[in-house]
Amino acid sequence: MKTIFHIDVNSAFLSWTAVKRLKDDPGSIDLRSIPSAIGGDTETRHGIITAKSIPAGNYGIKTAMPVVKAMELCPDLVLAQSDFTTYRMYSEAFIDILRKYSPVVEQVSIDEAFLDLTGMEQSIKSLIFQQIVDGTLHDRDETIGPLSSLECSQLIQLLKNFTLLDEFRFSFSTQDDTKEPLYETCYKYSDSEKLETLIHILNSGCAQRTELLKLLPFPLNAAVLIKDEIRDTLGFTVNVGISLNKLLAKMGSDLEKPDKIHTLYPSEIAEKMWKQPIGSLFGCGGKTALKLEKIGIHTIGEAAVMDPDILTAVLGENSGLYIYNAANGNSYSSVSEHVEEAKSISNELTTSQDIDISNLETEGTKILRKLAEQVSRRLKKHGLFAGTIGFTVKTDDFKRRSIQRKFSDSTNDTEVIYDAALDLMYELLLGFNPDPASNISSEPSTALDATYGSDSARTSDTRIDTTNRDFSLPSSQTGLFGMGYKIRLMCISTTNFDHGEYRQMTFDDLIKHSASLEKEKLLSKKRMMKKQKIDELSKTLRLKFGDHVVKKGIIS
C-alpha cells in the first residue's frame, strides 16, 4: 500500500509576509491574528485578494475576490502588498525540508507539494533517531516547550482513528477438524503497549517531542516530524494530508485548518469526504459544480453514487468519468519530480478605472500592450510558442467573458500577440474587427461565456462611433460596450504550445537567425546602391555628351 502526503502551507502569502514582518520587527502585530489579506492598492482598486487570514475569512472574504469588494465586507481589513522575493525564499526553505524526508517530492505550486513515502518506515525511524542523537529534538523541546494541550488532544483523536482504519487491519483464521473456520480481526496498533504509552504521554500535560516520536506509528510520525519542523524552524504552519493516492491526500489536507494532520483513506471517504459540497472536490471547477447542482448533485457523496452515464451525458465523457472516480476516491497518477510544461500562460490586470468607449483607445490599449509584453516574456522564458490566443474581460457585473482564436502560425512575438489581442478586444467589446489584415487564422472566434447577444436588458438602440475610428454599427453588433457594460479586468491568455518545431519558417526568421543570409542581404544592398549610382552617372553623361558616350554600361 502506498503512502502519499500532500503538504500545503496555510495562507502562504499572508503567512510568509507575517513571518517576515515579525522577523524584521518582533513587536509588530501578527497579520495572521487580525483581519488581513494580501492584495492590491485600495486607492486604485487594482488587484484581487491572493491570500487572507482566518479572521478575514470570518467576514466572508475569499481569495480571488476584488479588493474593493473585500474592503466593503471589512472596512478595517489590513492589506499588505505582495513580496515575491520573500515568497520564493520561504518556498525554497519549505521544499528543502520536505526533501530531507523523501527522495520523491512533487512541487505542484509555490506553497504545496506531494511526497511519496512508500516503504520509508525504517528511513523515517532512522531520521528520528538521528535527531534524537544530535540533540535537535531535545533543543526544540527546551526552546519551545512541550506540546500544547490542544496539540495533544488532536493527536489522541488522530491516533485512535488511525489505529482502527480498515487499511491497517489484519485477518487470520483458526480452524480445527471439528469446527467451521473461525475468522478474527486485529488491528496493527490496537493491542500495542506503545499505543497505551502514547496516550499516557499525551494526557500527561508535558508531552515531549523526543519521547513522542519514538512511539508514534508510521506514517503519523513522519507527518508530525515534518509539520512541526516547518512551524518551529520557519515560523509558519502547514496542513498534512495522508492517504494512499494523491487525490485523497490532497482532499485530506484541505480539511480543517490550520496546523493540522488528517488521514483520508478509502475507509474514511464516506464519513469525511462525501458530506462536503461538490464544489470542494479537487478538480471540480465552479462551472462544473453549477451543472451538477442543476441535476440535484450538491455533495460529493451524491456524485459518488450517481450513474456514470448520467454524469458523462451532462459533463462529457472525460469530465463525467473524472468526477465519478474522484468522488469515489480513485486516482491513478503517481508522485513524480518531473515538472509538466504549462498548459496555458496568461496575464491579467484589474484596471485602475473602468474601461468604456471613452478611454478604450487610451487606457485600454496601454493595458493590452503591457499584458502582451508580459505574456511574450513568459513564453520566451520557457521556450514556448503559442498556437492559440484568448482575450478575457471582467465586466462591471463581475462576470468574465472571453473570446479566442488560433494563430495562423505559432508565436511568442510581442507585436504579433499584441496585434492579435487587439483584434479580439475590438471584436468582443465593439462587435467587429477593424483590421481585416490580421495574423489570426480565418477560423471563427470561439466565444467562451460571452453570451452577450442574449442580454436584452443591457442592449442599447443607439449607434456607437469608436474614438479615432469612423465606424458606426447597429447595436446588435457593438459587443459588450453596445450593451452598456464597462470593463474592470483584462486578460491575455495563450495555449496550444509547441517549441517551434511546427512553425513555418518565414523569410524574416531566416534573416534573423542566419548570419550568412544577413551578410548576403548587406552585399545585395551594396550592389543595388552601386548600380543605382552607375545608372545615374550614365544618364547624366548621355544628357551632356550624347548617347554614344555610354555603350552597354561602359563609359567611353
Protein backbone atom coordinates (compact mmCIF):
# COMPACT_ATOMS: atom_id res chain seq x y z
CA MET A 1 0.00 0.00 0.00
CA LYS A 2 1.31 3.40 -0.98
CA THR A 3 1.89 6.23 1.47
CA ILE A 4 1.30 9.65 -0.08
CA PHE A 5 1.47 13.02 1.69
CA HIS A 6 0.09 16.32 0.46
CA ILE A 7 1.56 19.26 2.35
CA ASP A 8 0.05 22.70 1.93
CA VAL A 9 1.18 25.98 3.52
CA ASN A 10 -1.68 27.68 5.39
CA SER A 11 -2.47 31.05 3.71
CA ALA A 12 1.01 31.03 2.23
CA PHE A 13 1.46 34.60 1.00
CA LEU A 14 -0.07 36.10 4.12
CA SER A 15 1.83 33.73 6.44
CA TRP A 16 5.16 34.45 4.75
CA THR A 17 4.54 38.20 4.86
CA ALA A 18 3.60 37.94 8.56
CA VAL A 19 6.72 35.92 9.39
CA LYS A 20 8.97 38.42 7.62
CA ARG A 21 7.34 41.37 9.39
CA LEU A 22 7.74 39.71 12.79
CA LYS A 23 11.36 38.90 11.96
CA ASP A 24 12.07 42.50 10.95
CA ASP A 25 10.05 43.95 13.84
CA PRO A 26 9.35 41.47 16.68
CA GLY A 27 6.99 43.98 18.30
CA SER A 28 4.68 44.24 15.28
CA ILE A 29 1.26 42.63 15.19
CA ASP A 30 0.94 39.19 13.62
CA LEU A 31 -1.13 39.60 10.46
CA ARG A 32 -2.46 36.08 10.95
CA SER A 33 -4.26 37.14 14.14
CA ILE A 34 -6.27 40.03 12.65
CA PRO A 35 -8.47 40.55 9.57
CA SER A 36 -5.79 40.94 6.93
CA ALA A 37 -5.06 39.99 3.36
CA ILE A 38 -2.54 40.18 0.58
CA GLY A 39 -3.97 42.24 -2.23
CA GLY A 40 -3.72 45.31 -4.41
CA ASP A 41 -3.95 49.04 -3.89
CA THR A 42 -7.18 50.16 -2.23
CA GLU A 43 -6.96 53.64 -3.76
CA THR A 44 -6.61 52.50 -7.37
CA ARG A 45 -8.79 49.38 -6.91
CA HIS A 46 -6.00 47.40 -8.50
CA GLY A 47 -5.76 43.68 -7.87
CA ILE A 48 -7.52 40.87 -6.11
CA ILE A 49 -7.15 39.10 -2.78
CA THR A 50 -4.46 36.43 -3.14
CA ALA A 51 -4.36 35.30 0.49
CA LYS A 52 -6.36 36.03 3.63
CA SER A 53 -6.16 35.44 7.36
CA ILE A 54 -8.68 33.25 9.18
CA PRO A 55 -10.23 36.34 10.89
CA ALA A 56 -10.66 37.91 7.42
CA GLY A 57 -12.39 34.76 6.24
CA ASN A 58 -14.93 35.22 9.02
CA TYR A 59 -16.11 38.36 7.20
CA GLY A 60 -16.76 36.41 4.03
CA ILE A 61 -13.55 37.49 2.32
CA LYS A 62 -12.25 34.92 -0.15
CA THR A 63 -9.22 34.55 -2.36
CA ALA A 64 -9.65 35.89 -5.91
CA MET A 65 -12.15 38.45 -4.58
CA PRO A 66 -11.66 42.02 -5.86
CA VAL A 67 -10.04 44.27 -3.28
CA VAL A 68 -12.89 46.76 -3.40
CA LYS A 69 -15.42 44.08 -2.52
CA ALA A 70 -13.23 42.81 0.33
CA MET A 71 -12.99 46.33 1.75
CA GLU A 72 -16.77 46.62 1.60
CA LEU A 73 -17.11 43.45 3.68
CA CYS A 74 -14.46 44.53 6.18
CA PRO A 75 -13.58 48.26 6.16
CA ASP A 76 -10.83 47.65 8.76
CA LEU A 77 -9.14 44.99 6.64
CA VAL A 78 -5.35 45.35 6.78
CA LEU A 79 -3.86 44.95 3.30
CA ALA A 80 -0.25 44.06 2.61
CA GLN A 81 1.47 44.18 -0.75
CA SER A 82 2.82 41.08 -2.46
CA ASP A 83 6.52 40.35 -1.89
CA PHE A 84 7.62 37.62 -4.28
CA THR A 85 11.25 37.79 -3.20
CA THR A 86 10.16 36.75 0.29
CA TYR A 87 7.74 34.17 -1.08
CA ARG A 88 10.43 32.48 -3.16
CA MET A 89 12.81 32.43 -0.18
CA TYR A 90 10.31 30.71 2.14
CA SER A 91 9.05 28.39 -0.59
CA GLU A 92 12.58 27.13 -1.21
CA ALA A 93 13.16 26.62 2.52
CA PHE A 94 9.84 24.76 2.76
CA ILE A 95 10.72 22.40 -0.11
CA ASP A 96 14.24 21.86 1.27
CA ILE A 97 12.73 20.45 4.48
CA LEU A 98 10.45 18.13 2.51
CA ARG A 99 13.39 16.75 0.54
CA LYS A 100 15.01 15.65 3.80
CA TYR A 101 12.23 13.14 4.34
CA SER A 102 11.52 11.78 0.86
CA PRO A 103 13.55 11.37 -2.34
CA VAL A 104 10.36 11.90 -4.37
CA VAL A 105 8.89 15.39 -3.90
CA GLU A 106 6.49 16.78 -6.49
CA GLN A 107 6.12 20.52 -6.03
CA VAL A 108 2.81 21.50 -7.62
CA SER A 109 2.89 25.18 -6.74
CA ILE A 110 4.87 27.68 -4.72
CA ASP A 111 3.20 26.56 -1.49
CA GLU A 112 2.26 22.88 -1.85
CA ALA A 113 3.83 19.55 -2.72
CA PHE A 114 3.21 15.82 -2.77
CA LEU A 115 5.60 13.34 -1.11
CA ASP A 116 5.82 9.63 -1.74
CA LEU A 117 6.90 7.90 1.47
CA THR A 118 6.02 4.37 0.37
CA GLY A 119 8.30 1.84 2.04
CA MET A 120 10.12 4.50 4.06
CA GLU A 121 9.10 3.42 7.56
CA GLN A 122 12.64 2.45 8.55
CA SER A 123 14.12 5.57 6.94
CA ILE A 124 11.83 7.81 8.99
CA LYS A 125 12.73 5.94 12.16
CA SER A 126 16.41 6.44 11.33
CA LEU A 127 15.89 10.17 10.82
CA ILE A 128 14.08 10.41 14.16
CA PHE A 129 16.90 8.52 15.89
CA GLN A 130 19.43 10.81 14.22
CA GLN A 131 17.64 13.91 15.50
CA ILE A 132 17.49 12.41 18.99
CA VAL A 133 21.22 11.64 18.95
CA ASP A 134 22.32 15.03 17.61
CA GLY A 135 20.05 16.84 20.09
CA THR A 136 17.80 18.53 17.53
CA LEU A 137 14.55 17.33 19.11
CA HIS A 138 15.83 17.97 22.65
CA ASP A 139 16.78 21.55 21.71
CA ARG A 140 13.31 22.20 20.30
CA ASP A 141 11.74 20.79 23.49
CA GLU A 142 13.90 23.10 25.56
CA THR A 143 13.30 26.17 23.40
CA ILE A 144 9.62 25.78 22.55
CA GLY A 145 8.46 23.65 25.46
CA PRO A 146 6.18 20.61 25.47
CA LEU A 147 3.26 20.15 23.11
CA SER A 148 0.21 22.25 23.92
CA SER A 149 -2.91 20.62 25.32
CA LEU A 150 -4.69 21.31 22.01
CA GLU A 151 -1.95 19.53 20.06
CA CYS A 152 -2.10 16.59 22.44
CA SER A 153 -5.87 16.21 22.22
CA GLN A 154 -5.74 16.38 18.42
CA LEU A 155 -3.03 13.73 18.29
CA ILE A 156 -5.01 11.44 20.62
CA GLN A 157 -8.04 11.62 18.34
CA LEU A 158 -5.86 11.11 15.25
CA LEU A 159 -4.22 8.07 16.82
CA LYS A 160 -7.49 6.46 17.88
CA ASN A 161 -8.96 6.84 14.40
CA PHE A 162 -5.78 5.72 12.68
CA THR A 163 -5.32 2.54 14.64
CA LEU A 164 -8.80 1.34 13.69
CA LEU A 165 -8.58 2.04 9.95
CA ASP A 166 -9.57 -0.89 7.76
CA GLU A 167 -6.42 -0.30 5.69
CA PHE A 168 -4.34 -1.42 8.71
CA ARG A 169 -6.47 -4.41 9.66
CA PHE A 170 -5.17 -7.94 9.52
CA SER A 171 -7.31 -11.07 9.33
CA PHE A 172 -6.30 -14.54 10.39
CA SER A 173 -8.15 -17.79 10.84
CA THR A 174 -8.18 -20.55 13.41
CA GLN A 175 -9.52 -23.95 12.44
CA ASP A 176 -9.71 -27.45 13.76
CA ASP A 177 -11.15 -30.53 12.17
CA THR A 178 -14.41 -30.47 14.10
CA LYS A 179 -15.48 -26.83 13.67
CA GLU A 180 -16.22 -24.35 10.94
CA PRO A 181 -13.35 -21.90 10.16
CA LEU A 182 -13.30 -19.02 12.61
CA TYR A 183 -12.07 -15.64 11.36
CA GLU A 184 -10.85 -12.98 13.73
CA THR A 185 -9.69 -9.46 13.07
CA CYS A 186 -6.94 -7.49 14.71
CA TYR A 187 -5.56 -4.04 14.03
CA LYS A 188 -1.90 -3.29 13.57
CA TYR A 189 -1.65 -0.99 16.59
CA SER A 190 -4.77 -1.75 18.63
CA ASP A 191 -3.13 -4.13 21.13
CA SER A 192 0.23 -2.49 21.22
CA GLU A 193 1.66 -1.38 24.54
CA LYS A 194 3.15 1.52 22.59
CA LEU A 195 -0.32 2.87 21.93
CA GLU A 196 -1.19 2.87 25.62
CA THR A 197 2.12 4.55 26.43
CA LEU A 198 1.48 7.16 23.75
CA ILE A 199 -1.95 8.03 25.11
CA HIS A 200 -0.48 8.29 28.60
CA ILE A 201 2.26 10.69 27.40
CA LEU A 202 -0.23 12.84 25.51
CA ASN A 203 -2.53 13.02 28.54
CA SER A 204 0.32 13.91 30.91
CA GLY A 205 0.32 17.62 30.03
CA CYS A 206 4.06 17.63 29.38
CA ALA A 207 4.46 15.64 26.16
CA GLN A 208 7.99 15.94 24.83
CA ARG A 209 8.77 15.51 21.13
CA THR A 210 11.66 13.17 21.84
CA GLU A 211 9.54 10.54 23.59
CA LEU A 212 6.50 11.07 21.38
CA LEU A 213 8.30 10.50 18.07
CA LYS A 214 9.91 7.32 19.38
CA LEU A 215 6.47 5.75 19.75
CA LEU A 216 4.27 7.25 17.04
CA PRO A 217 3.41 4.76 14.28
CA PHE A 218 4.35 5.34 10.68
CA PRO A 219 3.32 7.45 8.80
CA LEU A 220 1.98 9.69 11.61
CA ASN A 221 5.50 10.07 12.96
CA ALA A 222 6.67 11.45 9.60
CA ALA A 223 3.72 13.84 9.41
CA VAL A 224 4.33 15.22 12.91
CA LEU A 225 8.06 15.48 12.30
CA ILE A 226 7.65 17.43 9.03
CA LYS A 227 4.79 19.65 10.19
CA ASP A 228 6.43 20.67 13.44
CA GLU A 229 9.87 21.24 11.91
CA ILE A 230 8.39 23.65 9.37
CA ARG A 231 6.45 25.50 12.06
CA ASP A 232 9.22 25.59 14.66
CA THR A 233 12.10 26.49 12.34
CA LEU A 234 10.49 28.60 9.60
CA GLY A 235 7.66 30.17 11.60
CA PHE A 236 4.62 29.24 9.51
CA THR A 237 2.18 26.34 9.62
CA VAL A 238 1.17 23.67 7.13
CA ASN A 239 -1.54 21.06 6.81
CA VAL A 240 -0.63 17.44 6.04
CA GLY A 241 -2.97 15.08 4.26
CA ILE A 242 -2.16 11.36 4.34
CA SER A 243 -3.58 8.65 2.11
CA LEU A 244 -2.71 6.04 -0.48
CA ASN A 245 -3.14 8.28 -3.54
CA LYS A 246 -2.67 11.92 -4.48
CA LEU A 247 -6.34 12.83 -4.76
CA LEU A 248 -7.24 11.66 -1.25
CA ALA A 249 -4.06 13.14 0.24
CA LYS A 250 -4.96 16.49 -1.33
CA MET A 251 -8.56 16.30 -0.11
CA GLY A 252 -7.28 15.34 3.34
CA SER A 253 -5.00 18.36 3.63
CA ASP A 254 -7.95 20.62 2.76
CA LEU A 255 -9.93 19.52 5.81
CA GLU A 256 -9.88 21.63 8.98
CA LYS A 257 -7.04 24.18 9.13
CA PRO A 258 -4.53 25.41 10.20
CA ASP A 259 -1.59 23.35 11.51
CA LYS A 260 -3.41 20.01 11.23
CA ILE A 261 -2.74 16.43 10.15
CA HIS A 262 -5.57 14.49 8.51
CA THR A 263 -5.80 10.96 7.18
CA LEU A 264 -8.23 10.23 4.37
CA TYR A 265 -8.07 6.56 3.44
CA PRO A 266 -10.76 4.83 1.37
CA SER A 267 -12.50 3.55 4.51
CA GLU A 268 -12.88 7.18 5.68
CA ILE A 269 -14.29 8.63 2.44
CA ALA A 270 -17.96 8.27 3.35
CA GLU A 271 -17.51 9.97 6.72
CA LYS A 272 -15.00 12.69 5.86
CA MET A 273 -15.46 13.46 2.17
CA TRP A 274 -18.94 12.62 0.94
CA LYS A 275 -20.67 15.21 3.11
CA GLN A 276 -18.70 18.06 1.55
CA PRO A 277 -20.19 20.26 -1.21
CA ILE A 278 -19.47 19.08 -4.74
CA GLY A 279 -17.51 22.24 -5.49
CA SER A 280 -14.87 21.25 -2.92
CA LEU A 281 -13.94 18.10 -4.86
CA PHE A 282 -10.44 18.51 -6.25
CA GLY A 283 -10.68 19.14 -9.99
CA CYS A 284 -14.34 20.20 -9.94
CA GLY A 285 -14.47 23.82 -11.06
CA GLY A 286 -17.20 26.33 -10.40
CA LYS A 287 -18.97 25.85 -13.73
CA THR A 288 -18.89 22.06 -13.38
CA ALA A 289 -20.31 22.33 -9.87
CA LEU A 290 -23.17 24.51 -11.15
CA LYS A 291 -24.03 21.96 -13.85
CA LEU A 292 -24.09 19.18 -11.26
CA GLU A 293 -26.21 21.19 -8.84
CA LYS A 294 -28.78 21.75 -11.60
CA ILE A 295 -29.36 17.98 -11.76
CA GLY A 296 -29.56 17.65 -7.99
CA ILE A 297 -25.97 16.78 -7.12
CA HIS A 298 -24.95 19.03 -4.25
CA THR A 299 -22.46 16.86 -2.33
CA ILE A 300 -19.51 14.68 -3.27
CA GLY A 301 -21.40 11.65 -1.95
CA GLU A 302 -24.29 12.27 -4.34
CA ALA A 303 -21.85 12.32 -7.26
CA ALA A 304 -20.21 9.12 -5.99
CA VAL A 305 -23.44 7.12 -6.21
CA MET A 306 -24.74 8.72 -9.41
CA ASP A 307 -24.92 6.64 -12.57
CA PRO A 308 -21.70 7.42 -14.52
CA ASP A 309 -23.72 7.53 -17.75
CA ILE A 310 -25.71 10.47 -16.39
CA LEU A 311 -22.54 12.31 -15.39
CA THR A 312 -20.97 11.82 -18.81
CA ALA A 313 -24.18 12.93 -20.51
CA VAL A 314 -24.14 16.19 -18.54
CA LEU A 315 -20.41 16.89 -18.43
CA GLY A 316 -18.95 14.98 -21.36
CA GLU A 317 -17.12 11.68 -21.22
CA ASN A 318 -13.79 12.79 -19.75
CA SER A 319 -15.18 15.20 -17.15
CA GLY A 320 -18.05 12.90 -16.18
CA LEU A 321 -15.80 9.91 -15.57
CA TYR A 322 -13.32 12.06 -13.67
CA ILE A 323 -16.00 13.37 -11.29
CA TYR A 324 -17.33 9.85 -10.69
CA ASN A 325 -13.88 8.38 -9.99
CA ALA A 326 -12.72 11.31 -7.89
CA ALA A 327 -15.89 11.27 -5.78
CA ASN A 328 -15.14 7.61 -5.02
CA GLY A 329 -11.52 8.38 -4.14
CA ASN A 330 -9.98 6.81 -7.23
CA SER A 331 -6.81 8.37 -8.57
CA TYR A 332 -4.16 6.79 -10.76
CA SER A 333 -1.42 9.42 -11.08
CA SER A 334 1.82 8.86 -9.19
CA VAL A 335 4.03 11.35 -7.40
CA SER A 336 6.73 12.49 -9.77
CA GLU A 337 9.53 15.03 -9.63
CA HIS A 338 9.08 15.63 -13.36
CA VAL A 339 7.68 19.11 -13.91
CA GLU A 340 4.99 19.18 -16.56
CA GLU A 341 5.04 22.01 -19.03
CA ALA A 342 2.46 24.72 -18.59
CA LYS A 343 -0.78 24.13 -20.47
CA SER A 344 -1.53 27.84 -20.60
CA ILE A 345 0.27 31.11 -19.97
CA SER A 346 -1.72 34.22 -19.20
CA ASN A 347 -1.53 37.59 -17.52
CA GLU A 348 -4.39 39.72 -16.28
CA LEU A 349 -4.74 43.17 -14.80
CA THR A 350 -7.51 44.81 -12.81
CA THR A 351 -7.98 48.29 -14.25
CA SER A 352 -7.46 51.38 -12.11
CA GLN A 353 -10.61 52.84 -13.69
CA ASP A 354 -13.49 51.39 -15.62
CA ILE A 355 -12.74 50.96 -19.32
CA ASP A 356 -15.52 52.05 -21.67
CA ILE A 357 -15.82 53.55 -25.14
CA SER A 358 -14.39 56.89 -23.97
CA ASN A 359 -11.00 55.55 -22.84
CA LEU A 360 -10.59 52.30 -24.76
CA GLU A 361 -8.10 53.80 -27.21
CA THR A 362 -6.06 55.42 -24.46
CA GLU A 363 -6.15 53.34 -21.28
CA GLY A 364 -7.40 50.07 -22.79
CA THR A 365 -4.69 49.74 -25.39
CA LYS A 366 -1.98 50.63 -22.85
CA ILE A 367 -3.12 47.78 -20.60
CA LEU A 368 -3.28 45.42 -23.56
CA ARG A 369 0.28 46.33 -24.59
CA LYS A 370 1.57 45.66 -21.08
CA LEU A 371 -0.20 42.29 -20.93
CA ALA A 372 1.17 41.30 -24.36
CA GLU A 373 4.71 42.11 -23.24
CA GLN A 374 4.32 40.05 -20.07
CA VAL A 375 2.87 37.03 -21.87
CA SER A 376 5.55 37.21 -24.58
CA ARG A 377 8.31 37.39 -21.97
CA ARG A 378 6.99 34.32 -20.15
CA LEU A 379 6.64 32.33 -23.38
CA LYS A 380 10.22 33.13 -24.35
CA LYS A 381 11.46 32.24 -20.86
CA HIS A 382 10.03 28.73 -21.25
CA GLY A 383 10.99 28.41 -24.92
CA LEU A 384 7.36 28.09 -25.98
CA PHE A 385 5.34 29.25 -28.98
CA ALA A 386 1.57 29.70 -28.62
CA GLY A 387 -0.88 28.37 -31.18
CA THR A 388 -4.00 29.95 -29.66
CA ILE A 389 -4.64 33.33 -28.09
CA GLY A 390 -7.54 34.34 -25.87
CA PHE A 391 -8.82 37.67 -24.61
CA THR A 392 -10.90 37.86 -21.42
CA VAL A 393 -12.57 40.72 -19.61
CA LYS A 394 -14.43 41.03 -16.34
CA THR A 395 -17.38 43.37 -16.68
CA ASP A 396 -18.85 45.65 -14.05
CA ASP A 397 -21.30 42.92 -13.07
CA PHE A 398 -18.23 40.81 -12.04
CA LYS A 399 -18.76 38.24 -14.80
CA ARG A 400 -15.98 37.06 -17.11
CA ARG A 401 -16.42 36.95 -20.86
CA SER A 402 -13.85 35.53 -23.23
CA ILE A 403 -13.04 35.06 -26.88
CA GLN A 404 -10.24 33.09 -28.54
CA ARG A 405 -8.77 32.23 -31.92
CA LYS A 406 -5.93 30.24 -33.40
CA PHE A 407 -2.80 31.86 -34.78
CA SER A 408 -2.04 31.15 -38.41
CA ASP A 409 1.47 30.32 -37.15
CA SER A 410 2.53 29.74 -33.53
CA THR A 411 4.36 32.67 -31.98
CA ASN A 412 5.90 34.26 -28.88
CA ASP A 413 6.48 37.63 -30.51
CA THR A 414 5.23 40.63 -28.55
CA GLU A 415 3.92 42.54 -31.55
CA VAL A 416 2.10 39.54 -33.01
CA ILE A 417 0.48 38.79 -29.64
CA TYR A 418 -0.48 42.43 -29.15
CA ASP A 419 -1.98 42.79 -32.63
CA ALA A 420 -3.97 39.56 -32.26
CA ALA A 421 -5.22 40.56 -28.80
CA LEU A 422 -6.20 43.97 -30.17
CA ASP A 423 -8.31 42.31 -32.87
CA LEU A 424 -10.04 40.14 -30.27
CA MET A 425 -10.57 43.11 -27.96
CA TYR A 426 -12.37 45.05 -30.68
CA GLU A 427 -14.45 42.03 -31.60
CA LEU A 428 -15.54 41.32 -28.02
CA LEU A 429 -16.06 44.90 -26.91
CA LEU A 430 -17.19 46.60 -30.13
CA GLY A 431 -18.64 43.67 -32.04
CA PHE A 432 -16.29 43.79 -35.03
CA ASN A 433 -12.65 43.52 -36.08
CA PRO A 434 -11.47 46.78 -37.65
CA ASP A 435 -8.31 45.17 -39.06
CA PRO A 436 -9.00 42.63 -41.82
CA ALA A 437 -5.26 42.03 -42.32
CA SER A 438 -4.96 40.07 -39.09
CA ASN A 439 -2.38 37.43 -38.14
CA ILE A 440 -5.18 35.37 -36.59
CA SER A 441 -6.45 32.45 -38.64
CA SER A 442 -9.64 32.85 -40.60
CA GLU A 443 -11.44 30.35 -38.36
CA PRO A 444 -14.36 31.90 -36.47
CA SER A 445 -13.74 33.13 -32.95
CA THR A 446 -14.78 30.92 -30.07
CA ALA A 447 -16.79 32.87 -27.52
CA LEU A 448 -16.36 31.46 -24.03
CA ASP A 449 -19.12 32.55 -21.68
CA ALA A 450 -19.52 35.65 -23.87
CA THR A 451 -23.23 35.27 -24.43
CA TYR A 452 -23.81 38.98 -24.75
CA GLY A 453 -26.26 38.62 -27.62
CA SER A 454 -28.99 37.41 -25.28
CA ASP A 455 -28.64 40.16 -22.71
CA SER A 456 -31.52 42.32 -23.87
CA ALA A 457 -31.63 44.26 -20.63
CA ARG A 458 -28.28 45.83 -21.47
CA THR A 459 -28.87 46.41 -25.20
CA SER A 460 -28.99 49.99 -26.43
CA ASP A 461 -30.68 51.20 -29.61
CA THR A 462 -28.04 53.87 -30.20
CA ARG A 463 -25.19 53.55 -32.65
CA ILE A 464 -21.63 53.85 -31.40
CA ASP A 465 -18.75 55.70 -33.05
CA THR A 466 -15.44 54.49 -31.64
CA THR A 467 -12.83 57.04 -30.70
CA ASN A 468 -10.45 57.87 -33.59
CA ARG A 469 -12.28 55.40 -35.87
CA ASP A 470 -15.02 56.09 -38.36
CA PHE A 471 -17.16 53.02 -37.60
CA SER A 472 -20.82 53.06 -36.79
CA LEU A 473 -22.69 49.77 -36.44
CA PRO A 474 -26.12 48.65 -35.28
CA SER A 475 -26.46 47.87 -31.59
CA SER A 476 -26.70 44.13 -32.32
CA GLN A 477 -23.07 44.23 -33.49
CA THR A 478 -21.50 46.59 -30.98
CA GLY A 479 -20.38 43.96 -28.50
CA LEU A 480 -20.24 44.42 -24.75
CA PHE A 481 -19.93 48.20 -24.92
CA GLY A 482 -23.09 48.30 -27.00
CA MET A 483 -24.92 46.67 -24.12
CA GLY A 484 -23.73 49.21 -21.59
CA TYR A 485 -21.07 47.11 -19.89
CA LYS A 486 -17.84 48.57 -18.55
CA ILE A 487 -14.59 46.65 -18.11
CA ARG A 488 -12.81 46.13 -14.80
CA LEU A 489 -10.25 43.49 -15.73
CA MET A 490 -8.42 42.50 -18.92
CA CYS A 491 -6.50 39.29 -19.61
CA ILE A 492 -4.46 37.80 -22.45
CA SER A 493 -4.10 34.02 -22.42
CA THR A 494 -2.18 31.63 -24.67
CA THR A 495 -2.48 27.86 -25.14
CA ASN A 496 -1.64 25.03 -27.58
CA PHE A 497 2.12 25.31 -27.17
CA ASP A 498 4.98 23.94 -29.22
CA HIS A 499 8.74 24.52 -29.15
CA GLY A 500 8.89 25.98 -32.62
CA GLU A 501 9.14 22.64 -34.40
CA TYR A 502 5.77 23.16 -36.09
CA ARG A 503 6.25 26.78 -37.03
CA GLN A 504 6.51 27.78 -40.66
CA MET A 505 9.95 29.25 -41.29
CA THR A 506 9.47 32.74 -42.72
CA PHE A 507 11.97 34.89 -44.58
CA ASP A 508 12.19 37.14 -41.55
CA ASP A 509 13.12 34.12 -39.41
CA LEU A 510 15.87 33.19 -41.84
CA ILE A 511 17.28 36.72 -41.87
CA LYS A 512 17.12 36.89 -38.09
CA HIS A 513 18.77 33.54 -37.38
CA SER A 514 21.23 33.15 -40.29
CA ALA A 515 24.45 35.14 -40.30
CA SER A 516 25.23 34.14 -43.87
CA LEU A 517 21.88 35.37 -45.16
CA GLU A 518 22.32 38.61 -43.25
CA LYS A 519 25.69 39.10 -44.91
CA GLU A 520 24.20 38.31 -48.31
CA LYS A 521 21.45 40.83 -47.69
CA LEU A 522 24.03 43.57 -46.97
CA LEU A 523 26.09 42.69 -50.05
CA SER A 524 22.98 42.73 -52.21
CA LYS A 525 22.08 46.14 -50.89
CA LYS A 526 25.56 47.46 -51.69
CA ARG A 527 25.38 46.09 -55.24
CA MET A 528 22.00 47.75 -55.77
CA MET A 529 23.34 51.07 -54.50
CA LYS A 530 26.39 50.78 -56.77
CA LYS A 531 24.22 50.01 -59.80
CA GLN A 532 21.95 52.94 -58.96
CA LYS A 533 24.94 55.30 -58.87
CA ILE A 534 26.25 53.99 -62.21
CA ASP A 535 22.82 54.40 -63.80
CA GLU A 536 22.57 57.98 -62.53
CA LEU A 537 26.05 58.80 -63.81
CA SER A 538 25.30 57.24 -67.23
CA LYS A 539 22.10 59.28 -67.52
CA THR A 540 23.98 62.50 -66.74
CA LEU A 541 26.68 61.75 -69.30
CA ARG A 542 24.13 60.92 -72.02
CA LEU A 543 22.30 64.17 -71.46
CA LYS A 544 25.53 66.16 -71.63
CA PHE A 545 27.55 64.36 -74.35
CA GLY A 546 25.06 62.17 -76.19
CA ASP A 547 24.10 58.50 -76.23
CA HIS A 548 27.32 57.42 -77.94
CA VAL A 549 29.33 58.19 -74.81
CA VAL A 550 27.87 55.18 -72.90
CA LYS A 551 27.76 51.77 -74.60
CA LYS A 552 26.39 48.70 -72.76
CA GLY A 553 27.07 50.31 -69.42
CA ILE A 554 30.67 51.18 -70.29
CA ILE A 555 31.71 54.83 -70.28
CA SER A 556 33.91 55.52 -73.35
